[in-house]
Amino acid sequence: MKKYLLTLSAVAIALTSCDLDINDNPNTPDNDAITADLVFPSVQNAIMATSCDIMFNYAGFFAQYFEQMPEANQFNKIADYSITESDQTIDRAYLQLYARALEDIDVVLGKVSNKADILAATAMRAFAFQLMVDNTSDAPYTEALKGSAVPQPRWDDGKTVYLGVIDELTRALADYQANPDAMTMTDLMFDKNTAQWEGYANALLLRMYFRMYDAGLAEYKDKIVALVNDNKFFKGDVTIDIFSDQTDNRSPFYASYYALGTTNHCASYPIISYMTSTNDPRIAYCFNKSVKDDDYVGQMPGAKALSKTWNGGEWKNNNVSVVNYALFDGSGVERPAYLYTQANLQFLIAEANVRFINDDAAAQAAYEAAIEADFDAKGIAGYDAFIAGAKVAWASATDKLKLIYMQKWAALCYMDNMEAWSEIRRTDVPALSTQKASAIFADATIYTPGELIEPAENGIEAGGLMKRMFYPKRARDLNQNTPSPKKGSDPVWWDIH
């Protein structure tokens, strides 16, 4: 895709907006000469900075891809689930979504009548609200973004928000299909390809429909089947691909966590164990081999401090696999930001064919297409040999739905960590091991590769895994309608398992 260097100033502005009140309408231009064409790239950048940087980081820990490096400390509290509202872990993402993306979408929608432009803006609005709900369950929606008219908006329950944005996106899609205009706004995702925008909207609906159905809304089964049978989805991956090796123009995760000279992320034991057990060559895309053993070594979840004791006083950065910030070919600085992968889409199609359509051949085709798409996106060779392996081959699977979910978890690693965390909560796959981290460390034979592991030091009162993100402290301080505090073990609305 064409590189739009003009957008990096928008990213820089977005990352400095942490003192804004989301009800102050800070981004509404007073100058009528500012067009939607100039505003829309800022929308896309703000959502990218949220999903592919802020949420990408903490969701990487919750999906058990990442752990805190032994000799670093920045994310200790995320790794052992001891964060609280006061840590403001989600505050910057909250501000990005509301004070930049959603405010600017309102600006766009107030300036355009073109149905393609409206569809694109509405799709981004749906994605922004989906991200918020998938983190905090509730979100300001019906009263949000009204400025001084409603200075303290009500937080709607997540089901209300999902129903609302699904309705908005469905209507925008129908209006576009009835009047298929050409897109006029600068577009960092699809370069004004309206067929891709139509396919992206359908894919967003598919993802939300699955969560609605698994939350007990049975009527969404038919909607899932209709979308899959119609098969009008985007091609390739949904990315923002504008990055280069310039100080203010680097790929977001690389820029935030590596270019500044810090190395905080190492591999988590579950993902290393699973990828190793399946002989998955994609492991080299995500992680480097440990310096000490020249092998892939994951750290037990929440066990940075304990690992030193378990290893007789020796546990340093050299013992573990560092996250591959720069990638094996040095291209991490230019790596696209992934907003929706083709692999994730094909896994959803495979799931629909297994659960609802009962078409094994179609399910297998989508499952294999998903893995091949991920190999292609990561630039990794060896797909044919991998897909024939006994532990991943479709024909040898006794539980094909679980196989889809496990391979989705592997594919989303270091690509879309936020979606991975959401899908773990929706599907309960990978399962949580019944064994403690200390016991697994002492005897790996008691552990099934790929199972999630409760952190050895766990800040959640009831134990278990992180099921939600806390409400933003800024919201608590500024909006008396912010809901009562929740625990990390409290599930979001669609996670009813």
Protein backbone atom coordinates (compact mmCIF):
# COMPACT_ATOMS: atom_id res chain seq x y z
CA MET A 1 0.00 0.00 0.00
CA LYS A 2 1.08 3.59 -0.63
CA LYS A 3 2.97 5.09 2.29
CA TYR A 4 1.13 8.10 3.71
CA LEU A 5 3.80 9.83 5.74
CA LEU A 6 1.48 12.72 6.58
CA THR A 7 -0.32 10.58 9.15
CA LEU A 8 2.50 10.21 11.62
CA SER A 9 1.88 13.65 13.05
CA ALA A 10 -1.60 12.39 13.92
CA VAL A 11 -0.09 9.47 15.79
CA ALA A 12 2.21 11.76 17.71
CA ILE A 13 -0.69 14.02 18.66
CA ALA A 14 -2.76 11.03 19.67
CA LEU A 15 -0.10 9.77 22.02
CA THR A 16 0.04 13.10 23.86
CA SER A 17 -3.69 13.45 24.49
CA CYS A 18 -3.72 11.86 27.94
CA ASP A 19 -5.04 14.91 29.82
CA LEU A 20 -8.21 15.35 27.77
CA ASP A 21 -11.75 15.05 29.11
CA ILE A 22 -13.60 12.93 26.57
CA ASN A 23 -16.67 15.12 26.97
CA ASP A 24 -14.89 18.34 25.99
CA ASN A 25 -15.18 17.73 22.23
CA PRO A 26 -11.45 18.55 21.82
CA ASN A 27 -11.10 17.51 18.20
CA THR A 28 -14.18 19.13 16.68
CA PRO A 29 -12.73 21.59 14.15
CA ASP A 30 -14.01 25.14 14.33
CA ASN A 31 -12.81 25.76 10.78
CA ASP A 32 -15.33 24.55 8.22
CA ALA A 33 -12.50 24.32 5.71
CA ILE A 34 -11.18 21.20 7.47
CA THR A 35 -12.60 18.38 5.38
CA ALA A 36 -13.48 14.79 6.18
CA ASP A 37 -10.64 13.78 3.88
CA LEU A 38 -8.17 15.31 6.34
CA VAL A 39 -9.88 13.95 9.46
CA PHE A 40 -10.39 10.30 8.50
CA PRO A 41 -6.69 9.31 8.56
CA SER A 42 -6.58 10.57 12.14
CA VAL A 43 -9.47 8.24 12.97
CA GLN A 44 -7.62 5.27 11.51
CA ASN A 45 -4.39 6.21 13.27
CA ALA A 46 -6.07 6.57 16.66
CA ILE A 47 -7.73 3.16 16.42
CA MET A 48 -4.48 1.63 15.18
CA ALA A 49 -2.57 3.14 18.11
CA THR A 50 -5.14 1.62 20.46
CA SER A 51 -5.44 -1.88 19.04
CA CYS A 52 -1.88 -2.36 17.79
CA ASP A 53 0.04 -0.68 20.60
CA ILE A 54 -1.72 -0.08 23.93
CA MET A 55 -4.08 -3.05 23.93
CA PHE A 56 -1.61 -5.14 21.93
CA ASN A 57 0.76 -4.91 24.90
CA TYR A 58 -1.41 -5.93 27.84
CA ALA A 59 -3.51 -8.37 25.82
CA GLY A 60 -0.26 -10.10 24.86
CA PHE A 61 0.22 -10.92 28.54
CA PHE A 62 -3.40 -11.97 29.07
CA ALA A 63 -3.30 -14.25 25.99
CA GLN A 64 -0.11 -15.75 27.48
CA TYR A 65 2.11 -14.79 24.59
CA PHE A 66 4.21 -12.34 26.64
CA GLU A 67 5.88 -12.34 30.03
CA GLN A 68 8.02 -9.70 31.77
CA MET A 69 11.74 -10.13 31.08
CA PRO A 70 13.63 -11.41 34.15
CA GLU A 71 15.82 -8.32 34.52
CA ALA A 72 13.24 -5.68 33.63
CA ASN A 73 10.23 -4.42 35.57
CA GLN A 74 7.93 -2.21 33.52
CA PHE A 75 5.08 -4.70 33.21
CA ASN A 76 5.38 -6.72 36.41
CA LYS A 77 1.86 -5.82 37.52
CA ILE A 78 0.32 -6.77 34.18
CA ALA A 79 2.19 -10.09 34.18
CA ASP A 80 0.94 -11.09 37.62
CA TYR A 81 -2.54 -9.52 37.30
CA SER A 82 -2.02 -7.14 40.20
CA ILE A 83 -3.09 -4.04 38.25
CA THR A 84 -5.99 -1.92 39.48
CA GLU A 85 -7.88 1.11 38.18
CA SER A 86 -5.24 3.30 39.79
CA ASP A 87 -2.59 1.93 37.43
CA GLN A 88 -4.46 3.54 34.51
CA THR A 89 -3.55 0.65 32.21
CA ILE A 90 -6.43 1.35 29.85
CA ASP A 91 -6.68 5.13 30.27
CA ARG A 92 -4.66 6.05 27.19
CA ALA A 93 -6.64 3.61 25.05
CA TYR A 94 -9.90 5.05 26.39
CA LEU A 95 -8.80 8.54 25.47
CA GLN A 96 -7.61 7.45 22.04
CA LEU A 97 -10.94 5.84 21.26
CA TYR A 98 -13.20 8.59 22.55
CA ALA A 99 -11.29 11.86 22.43
CA ARG A 100 -9.74 11.12 19.06
CA ALA A 101 -11.28 8.31 17.02
CA LEU A 102 -14.96 8.57 17.95
CA GLU A 103 -14.99 12.37 18.16
CA ASP A 104 -13.37 12.55 14.73
CA ILE A 105 -15.81 9.99 13.31
CA ASP A 106 -18.63 12.29 14.39
CA VAL A 107 -16.87 15.09 12.50
CA VAL A 108 -16.61 12.92 9.40
CA LEU A 109 -20.23 11.79 9.55
CA GLY A 110 -21.30 15.42 9.95
CA LYS A 111 -19.48 16.44 6.79
CA VAL A 112 -20.19 13.65 4.27
CA SER A 113 -23.22 12.28 2.47
CA ASN A 114 -21.33 9.82 0.26
CA LYS A 115 -22.51 6.32 1.17
CA ALA A 116 -19.05 4.76 0.80
CA ASP A 117 -17.52 7.35 3.11
CA ILE A 118 -20.32 6.80 5.62
CA LEU A 119 -19.79 3.04 5.48
CA ALA A 120 -16.06 3.40 6.15
CA ALA A 121 -16.60 5.80 9.06
CA THR A 122 -19.36 3.62 10.54
CA ALA A 123 -17.17 0.51 10.29
CA MET A 124 -14.42 2.27 12.22
CA ARG A 125 -16.98 3.44 14.78
CA ALA A 126 -18.23 -0.13 15.23
CA PHE A 127 -14.69 -1.43 15.69
CA ALA A 128 -13.85 1.29 18.23
CA PHE A 129 -16.89 0.48 20.36
CA GLN A 130 -16.26 -3.26 20.03
CA LEU A 131 -12.74 -2.76 21.39
CA MET A 132 -14.04 -0.82 24.37
CA VAL A 133 -16.76 -3.35 25.21
CA ASP A 134 -14.40 -6.31 24.82
CA ASN A 135 -12.22 -4.69 27.49
CA THR A 136 -14.59 -3.17 30.02
CA SER A 137 -17.95 -4.76 29.08
CA ASP A 138 -19.81 -1.47 29.58
CA ALA A 139 -19.09 1.70 27.60
CA PRO A 140 -20.48 5.21 27.16
CA TYR A 141 -22.61 4.91 24.02
CA THR A 142 -26.14 6.34 23.83
CA GLU A 143 -25.18 9.52 25.74
CA ALA A 144 -21.53 9.67 24.65
CA LEU A 145 -19.88 12.27 22.43
CA LYS A 146 -22.48 14.99 23.08
CA GLY A 147 -20.04 17.49 24.56
CA SER A 148 -21.39 19.95 27.11
CA ALA A 149 -24.97 18.80 26.46
CA VAL A 150 -24.23 15.57 28.35
CA PRO A 151 -21.02 16.17 30.32
CA GLN A 152 -21.29 12.91 32.28
CA PRO A 153 -22.66 10.27 29.91
CA ARG A 154 -24.25 7.07 31.11
CA TRP A 155 -22.27 3.84 30.59
CA ASP A 156 -24.44 1.39 28.64
CA ASP A 157 -24.17 -2.34 29.15
CA GLY A 158 -22.16 -4.16 26.50
CA LYS A 159 -25.13 -5.90 24.93
CA THR A 160 -26.77 -2.53 24.29
CA VAL A 161 -23.59 -1.21 22.69
CA TYR A 162 -23.14 -4.29 20.50
CA LEU A 163 -26.79 -4.17 19.37
CA GLY A 164 -26.44 -0.47 18.63
CA VAL A 165 -23.30 -0.62 16.52
CA ILE A 166 -24.49 -3.75 14.71
CA ASP A 167 -27.63 -1.84 13.73
CA GLU A 168 -25.58 1.19 12.66
CA LEU A 169 -23.22 -0.89 10.56
CA THR A 170 -26.00 -2.99 9.00
CA ARG A 171 -27.84 0.16 7.91
CA ALA A 172 -24.69 1.81 6.55
CA LEU A 173 -23.87 -1.35 4.61
CA ALA A 174 -27.39 -1.55 3.14
CA ASP A 175 -27.33 2.15 2.21
CA TYR A 176 -23.99 1.70 0.46
CA GLN A 177 -25.19 -1.37 -1.43
CA ALA A 178 -28.23 0.59 -2.60
CA ASN A 179 -26.04 3.54 -3.64
CA PRO A 180 -22.48 2.24 -4.23
CA ASP A 181 -20.60 5.53 -4.38
CA ALA A 182 -16.86 5.84 -4.86
CA MET A 183 -14.99 6.69 -1.67
CA THR A 184 -13.58 10.23 -1.47
CA MET A 185 -11.62 10.27 1.81
CA THR A 186 -7.94 9.48 2.20
CA ASP A 187 -7.86 5.87 3.34
CA LEU A 188 -4.87 4.21 5.00
CA MET A 189 -6.44 0.76 5.16
CA PHE A 190 -7.85 -0.05 1.72
CA ASP A 191 -6.78 2.90 -0.45
CA LYS A 192 -10.45 3.66 -1.25
CA ASN A 193 -11.28 0.13 -2.39
CA THR A 194 -14.99 0.03 -1.58
CA ALA A 195 -15.29 -3.73 -2.15
CA GLN A 196 -12.74 -4.16 0.62
CA TRP A 197 -14.70 -1.85 2.89
CA GLU A 198 -17.86 -3.85 2.22
CA GLY A 199 -15.96 -7.04 3.02
CA TYR A 200 -14.50 -5.54 6.18
CA ALA A 201 -17.93 -4.47 7.40
CA ASN A 202 -19.23 -8.00 6.86
CA ALA A 203 -16.25 -9.44 8.73
CA LEU A 204 -16.81 -7.09 11.68
CA LEU A 205 -20.43 -8.21 11.80
CA LEU A 206 -19.39 -11.87 11.64
CA ARG A 207 -17.06 -11.44 14.61
CA MET A 208 -19.71 -9.68 16.68
CA TYR A 209 -22.40 -12.18 15.65
CA PHE A 210 -20.33 -15.04 17.08
CA ARG A 211 -20.05 -13.23 20.40
CA MET A 212 -23.76 -12.48 20.41
CA TYR A 213 -24.62 -16.10 19.68
CA ASP A 214 -22.27 -17.47 22.33
CA ALA A 215 -23.79 -15.04 24.82
CA GLY A 216 -27.07 -16.89 24.37
CA LEU A 217 -28.71 -14.95 21.53
CA ALA A 218 -29.67 -17.92 19.35
CA GLU A 219 -31.06 -15.79 16.50
CA TYR A 220 -27.52 -14.86 15.49
CA LYS A 221 -26.83 -18.38 14.25
CA ASP A 222 -28.81 -17.72 11.07
CA LYS A 223 -27.04 -14.40 10.61
CA ILE A 224 -23.65 -16.14 10.86
CA VAL A 225 -24.68 -18.77 8.33
CA ALA A 226 -26.02 -16.14 5.92
CA LEU A 227 -22.79 -14.13 6.01
CA VAL A 228 -20.61 -17.19 5.52
CA ASN A 229 -22.73 -18.50 2.66
CA ASP A 230 -22.72 -15.08 0.99
CA ASN A 231 -18.91 -14.97 1.39
CA LYS A 232 -18.44 -11.27 0.70
CA PHE A 233 -15.43 -10.61 2.90
CA PHE A 234 -12.21 -8.65 2.51
CA LYS A 235 -9.21 -10.11 0.72
CA GLY A 236 -5.76 -10.29 2.29
CA ASP A 237 -5.16 -8.73 5.71
CA VAL A 238 -6.65 -5.50 7.05
CA THR A 239 -3.60 -3.43 7.86
CA ILE A 240 -2.22 0.05 8.12
CA ASP A 241 1.05 -0.16 6.25
CA ILE A 242 2.66 3.28 6.36
CA PHE A 243 5.80 2.71 8.41
CA SER A 244 9.50 3.29 7.71
CA ASP A 245 12.74 3.56 9.66
CA GLN A 246 12.28 7.17 10.66
CA THR A 247 11.99 8.42 14.22
CA ASP A 248 8.29 9.37 14.04
CA ASN A 249 7.24 6.81 11.48
CA ARG A 250 8.00 3.39 12.97
CA SER A 251 5.64 0.50 13.47
CA PRO A 252 3.70 1.16 16.72
CA PHE A 253 4.76 -1.77 18.90
CA TYR A 254 8.38 -1.50 17.74
CA ALA A 255 8.40 2.26 18.39
CA SER A 256 6.83 2.04 21.84
CA TYR A 257 8.70 -0.93 23.27
CA TYR A 258 11.99 -1.37 21.43
CA ALA A 259 13.09 1.77 19.62
CA LEU A 260 13.24 3.57 22.97
CA GLY A 261 15.91 1.17 24.17
CA THR A 262 13.84 -1.02 26.49
CA THR A 263 13.43 -4.78 26.28
CA ASN A 264 10.55 -5.89 28.47
CA HIS A 265 8.85 -8.76 26.70
CA CYS A 266 9.87 -12.38 26.72
CA ALA A 267 7.92 -15.43 25.61
CA SER A 268 5.36 -17.09 27.83
CA TYR A 269 5.64 -20.80 28.55
CA PRO A 270 2.24 -21.86 27.09
CA ILE A 271 2.75 -20.45 23.59
CA ILE A 272 6.33 -21.76 23.38
CA SER A 273 5.23 -25.21 24.53
CA TYR A 274 2.44 -25.39 21.97
CA MET A 275 4.40 -24.10 18.99
CA THR A 276 7.30 -26.37 19.87
CA SER A 277 5.02 -29.40 20.21
CA THR A 278 3.54 -28.82 16.75
CA ASN A 279 6.91 -28.06 15.10
CA ASP A 280 5.57 -24.67 14.11
CA PRO A 281 8.12 -22.62 12.13
CA ARG A 282 6.16 -19.42 12.85
CA ILE A 283 7.76 -19.42 16.28
CA ALA A 284 10.76 -17.71 14.65
CA TYR A 285 8.57 -14.78 13.61
CA CYS A 286 7.38 -14.16 17.15
CA PHE A 287 10.39 -14.99 19.33
CA ASN A 288 14.17 -15.29 19.38
CA LYS A 289 15.98 -18.28 20.80
CA SER A 290 17.42 -17.84 24.27
CA VAL A 291 21.05 -16.77 24.36
CA LYS A 292 22.00 -19.31 27.00
CA ASP A 293 20.47 -22.48 25.52
CA ASP A 294 20.06 -21.48 21.86
CA ASP A 295 16.51 -22.75 22.09
CA TYR A 296 12.99 -21.41 22.52
CA VAL A 297 12.35 -20.95 26.23
CA GLY A 298 9.18 -19.49 27.71
CA GLN A 299 8.81 -18.10 31.21
CA MET A 300 6.06 -19.39 33.48
CA PRO A 301 3.19 -16.88 33.74
CA GLY A 302 3.55 -14.57 36.71
CA ALA A 303 6.76 -16.26 37.78
CA LYS A 304 9.51 -13.77 37.00
CA ALA A 305 10.67 -13.53 40.61
CA LEU A 306 9.96 -17.15 41.51
CA SER A 307 11.87 -18.46 38.51
CA LYS A 308 15.09 -17.31 40.10
CA THR A 309 14.37 -19.46 43.16
CA TRP A 310 13.23 -22.40 41.07
CA ASN A 311 16.47 -22.26 39.09
CA GLY A 312 18.73 -22.11 42.12
CA GLY A 313 19.33 -18.38 41.92
CA GLU A 314 19.98 -18.18 38.17
CA TRP A 315 17.28 -16.60 35.99
CA LYS A 316 18.30 -13.77 33.71
CA ASN A 317 17.38 -12.29 30.36
CA ASN A 318 19.71 -14.72 28.62
CA ASN A 319 17.64 -17.66 29.92
CA VAL A 320 14.49 -16.79 27.99
CA SER A 321 13.27 -16.09 24.47
CA VAL A 322 12.91 -12.38 23.78
CA VAL A 323 9.95 -11.20 21.73
CA ASN A 324 11.19 -10.63 18.20
CA TYR A 325 10.69 -6.87 18.08
CA ALA A 326 12.86 -6.37 15.00
CA LEU A 327 11.78 -9.59 13.26
CA PHE A 328 14.32 -11.97 11.84
CA ASP A 329 14.97 -9.81 8.78
CA GLY A 330 15.07 -6.49 10.62
CA SER A 331 11.74 -5.36 9.18
CA GLY A 332 9.98 -4.95 12.51
CA VAL A 333 10.43 -1.21 12.21
CA GLU A 334 8.20 -1.27 9.11
CA ARG A 335 5.84 -4.05 10.15
CA PRO A 336 2.20 -3.29 9.26
CA ALA A 337 -0.34 -2.78 12.01
CA TYR A 338 -2.87 -5.62 11.75
CA LEU A 339 -6.49 -4.66 12.43
CA TYR A 340 -8.12 -7.88 11.17
CA THR A 341 -6.17 -10.79 9.75
CA GLN A 342 -7.27 -13.05 6.92
CA ALA A 343 -6.30 -15.95 9.16
CA ASN A 344 -8.76 -14.85 11.85
CA LEU A 345 -11.50 -14.44 9.26
CA GLN A 346 -10.92 -17.91 7.77
CA PHE A 347 -10.89 -19.51 11.22
CA LEU A 348 -14.32 -17.97 11.88
CA ILE A 349 -15.57 -19.35 8.58
CA ALA A 350 -14.17 -22.77 9.50
CA GLU A 351 -15.91 -22.58 12.87
CA ALA A 352 -19.23 -21.71 11.26
CA ASN A 353 -18.94 -24.68 8.93
CA VAL A 354 -18.25 -27.04 11.83
CA ARG A 355 -20.84 -25.72 14.28
CA PHE A 356 -23.72 -24.61 12.09
CA ILE A 357 -23.40 -25.69 8.47
CA ASN A 358 -22.02 -29.20 8.98
CA ASP A 359 -19.77 -28.99 5.93
CA ASP A 360 -16.52 -30.74 6.79
CA ALA A 361 -14.88 -30.09 3.43
CA ALA A 362 -15.61 -26.35 3.62
CA ALA A 363 -14.41 -26.26 7.21
CA GLN A 364 -11.15 -27.95 6.26
CA ALA A 365 -10.64 -25.60 3.32
CA ALA A 366 -11.12 -22.53 5.53
CA TYR A 367 -8.97 -23.96 8.32
CA GLU A 368 -6.08 -24.63 5.96
CA ALA A 369 -6.57 -21.29 4.20
CA ALA A 370 -6.32 -19.58 7.59
CA ILE A 371 -2.99 -21.17 8.40
CA GLU A 372 -1.62 -20.56 4.93
CA ALA A 373 -2.66 -16.90 5.13
CA ASP A 374 -0.82 -16.55 8.43
CA PHE A 375 2.33 -18.17 7.01
CA ASP A 376 2.14 -15.75 4.08
CA ALA A 377 1.58 -12.70 6.29
CA LYS A 378 4.56 -13.62 8.44
CA GLY A 379 6.76 -14.48 5.48
CA ILE A 380 7.43 -17.97 6.85
CA ALA A 381 8.18 -20.99 4.64
CA GLY A 382 7.13 -24.55 5.45
CA TYR A 383 3.34 -24.41 5.29
CA ASP A 384 2.96 -27.69 3.38
CA ALA A 385 5.05 -29.68 5.85
CA PHE A 386 3.40 -28.03 8.83
CA ILE A 387 -0.19 -28.64 7.73
CA ALA A 388 0.62 -32.31 7.21
CA GLY A 389 1.88 -32.72 10.78
CA ALA A 390 -0.06 -35.18 12.90
CA LYS A 391 -0.98 -32.61 15.57
CA VAL A 392 -2.40 -30.04 13.15
CA ALA A 393 -3.65 -32.10 10.18
CA TRP A 394 -7.41 -31.81 9.77
CA ALA A 395 -7.97 -35.49 9.03
CA SER A 396 -6.29 -36.65 12.23
CA ALA A 397 -8.18 -34.30 14.59
CA THR A 398 -10.66 -35.86 17.00
CA ASP A 399 -11.93 -32.43 18.12
CA LYS A 400 -11.90 -30.22 15.06
CA LEU A 401 -13.41 -27.20 16.76
CA LYS A 402 -10.67 -27.24 19.39
CA LEU A 403 -8.08 -27.58 16.63
CA ILE A 404 -9.46 -24.46 14.93
CA TYR A 405 -9.31 -22.52 18.18
CA MET A 406 -5.79 -23.67 19.07
CA GLN A 407 -4.43 -22.80 15.67
CA LYS A 408 -6.20 -19.44 15.81
CA TRP A 409 -4.40 -18.77 19.09
CA ALA A 410 -1.09 -19.64 17.45
CA ALA A 411 -1.82 -17.55 14.37
CA LEU A 412 -2.91 -14.42 16.26
CA CYS A 413 0.29 -14.45 18.31
CA TYR A 414 2.16 -11.18 17.71
CA MET A 415 -0.38 -10.23 15.06
CA ASP A 416 -3.60 -9.28 16.87
CA ASN A 417 -3.13 -9.88 20.59
CA MET A 418 -6.34 -8.10 21.57
CA GLU A 419 -8.44 -10.36 19.37
CA ALA A 420 -6.60 -13.39 20.72
CA TRP A 421 -7.50 -12.47 24.31
CA SER A 422 -11.14 -11.96 23.30
CA GLU A 423 -11.31 -15.29 21.49
CA ILE A 424 -9.78 -17.13 24.44
CA ARG A 425 -12.53 -15.76 26.63
CA ARG A 426 -15.27 -16.54 24.11
CA THR A 427 -14.19 -20.12 23.35
CA ASP A 428 -12.40 -21.14 26.58
CA VAL A 429 -9.58 -22.43 24.35
CA PRO A 430 -6.79 -22.86 25.18
CA ALA A 431 -8.11 -24.39 28.39
CA LEU A 432 -6.74 -23.47 31.78
CA SER A 433 -4.43 -26.15 33.14
CA THR A 434 -5.42 -27.79 36.41
CA GLN A 435 -1.72 -27.83 37.37
CA LYS A 436 0.09 -25.01 39.14
CA ALA A 437 3.00 -23.21 37.53
CA SER A 438 5.46 -24.49 40.13
CA ALA A 439 4.41 -28.11 39.56
CA ILE A 440 4.69 -27.76 35.78
CA PHE A 441 8.12 -26.19 36.13
CA ALA A 442 9.22 -29.14 38.25
CA ASP A 443 7.72 -31.79 35.95
CA ALA A 444 6.69 -30.77 32.42
CA THR A 445 5.20 -34.21 31.77
CA ILE A 446 2.12 -33.34 33.84
CA TYR A 447 1.28 -30.49 31.46
CA THR A 448 -0.53 -30.51 28.11
CA PRO A 449 1.33 -28.17 25.72
CA GLY A 450 -0.63 -25.04 25.00
CA GLU A 451 -2.84 -25.02 28.07
CA LEU A 452 -2.97 -21.68 29.83
CA ILE A 453 -1.41 -21.52 33.29
CA GLU A 454 -2.63 -19.50 36.24
CA PRO A 455 0.09 -16.99 37.12
CA ALA A 456 2.35 -18.25 39.89
CA GLU A 457 1.87 -14.92 41.62
CA ASN A 458 -1.72 -13.91 40.91
CA GLY A 459 -3.26 -10.59 41.91
CA ILE A 460 -6.82 -11.74 41.16
CA GLU A 461 -8.54 -12.44 44.45
CA ALA A 462 -10.35 -15.57 43.27
CA GLY A 463 -7.46 -16.81 41.14
CA GLY A 464 -7.77 -17.78 37.50
CA LEU A 465 -7.16 -15.58 34.47
CA MET A 466 -7.89 -11.97 33.55
CA LYS A 467 -11.42 -11.76 32.21
CA ARG A 468 -11.72 -8.01 31.71
CA MET A 469 -9.90 -4.70 31.93
CA PHE A 470 -10.76 -2.23 34.70
CA TYR A 471 -12.62 1.02 34.07
CA PRO A 472 -10.38 3.98 33.27
CA LYS A 473 -9.34 6.04 36.26
CA ARG A 474 -9.99 9.20 34.22
CA ALA A 475 -13.57 8.12 33.79
CA ARG A 476 -13.84 7.43 37.52
CA ASP A 477 -12.46 10.89 38.32
CA LEU A 478 -14.53 12.85 35.79
CA ASN A 479 -17.79 10.97 35.33
CA GLN A 480 -19.95 10.06 38.32
CA ASN A 481 -21.91 7.67 36.07
CA THR A 482 -18.93 5.36 35.69
CA PRO A 483 -20.05 1.94 36.99
CA SER A 484 -18.88 0.55 40.31
CA PRO A 485 -15.41 -1.02 40.17
CA LYS A 486 -15.12 -4.60 38.93
CA LYS A 487 -12.62 -7.37 39.59
CA GLY A 488 -10.30 -8.80 36.98
CA SER A 489 -12.16 -12.10 37.35
CA ASP A 490 -15.52 -10.53 36.41
CA PRO A 491 -16.31 -11.52 32.81
CA VAL A 492 -17.43 -9.14 30.09
CA TRP A 493 -21.07 -9.45 29.07
CA TRP A 494 -20.62 -11.98 26.26
CA ASP A 495 -18.31 -14.29 28.27
CA ILE A 496 -20.93 -16.46 29.94
CA HIS A 497 -18.92 -19.71 30.26
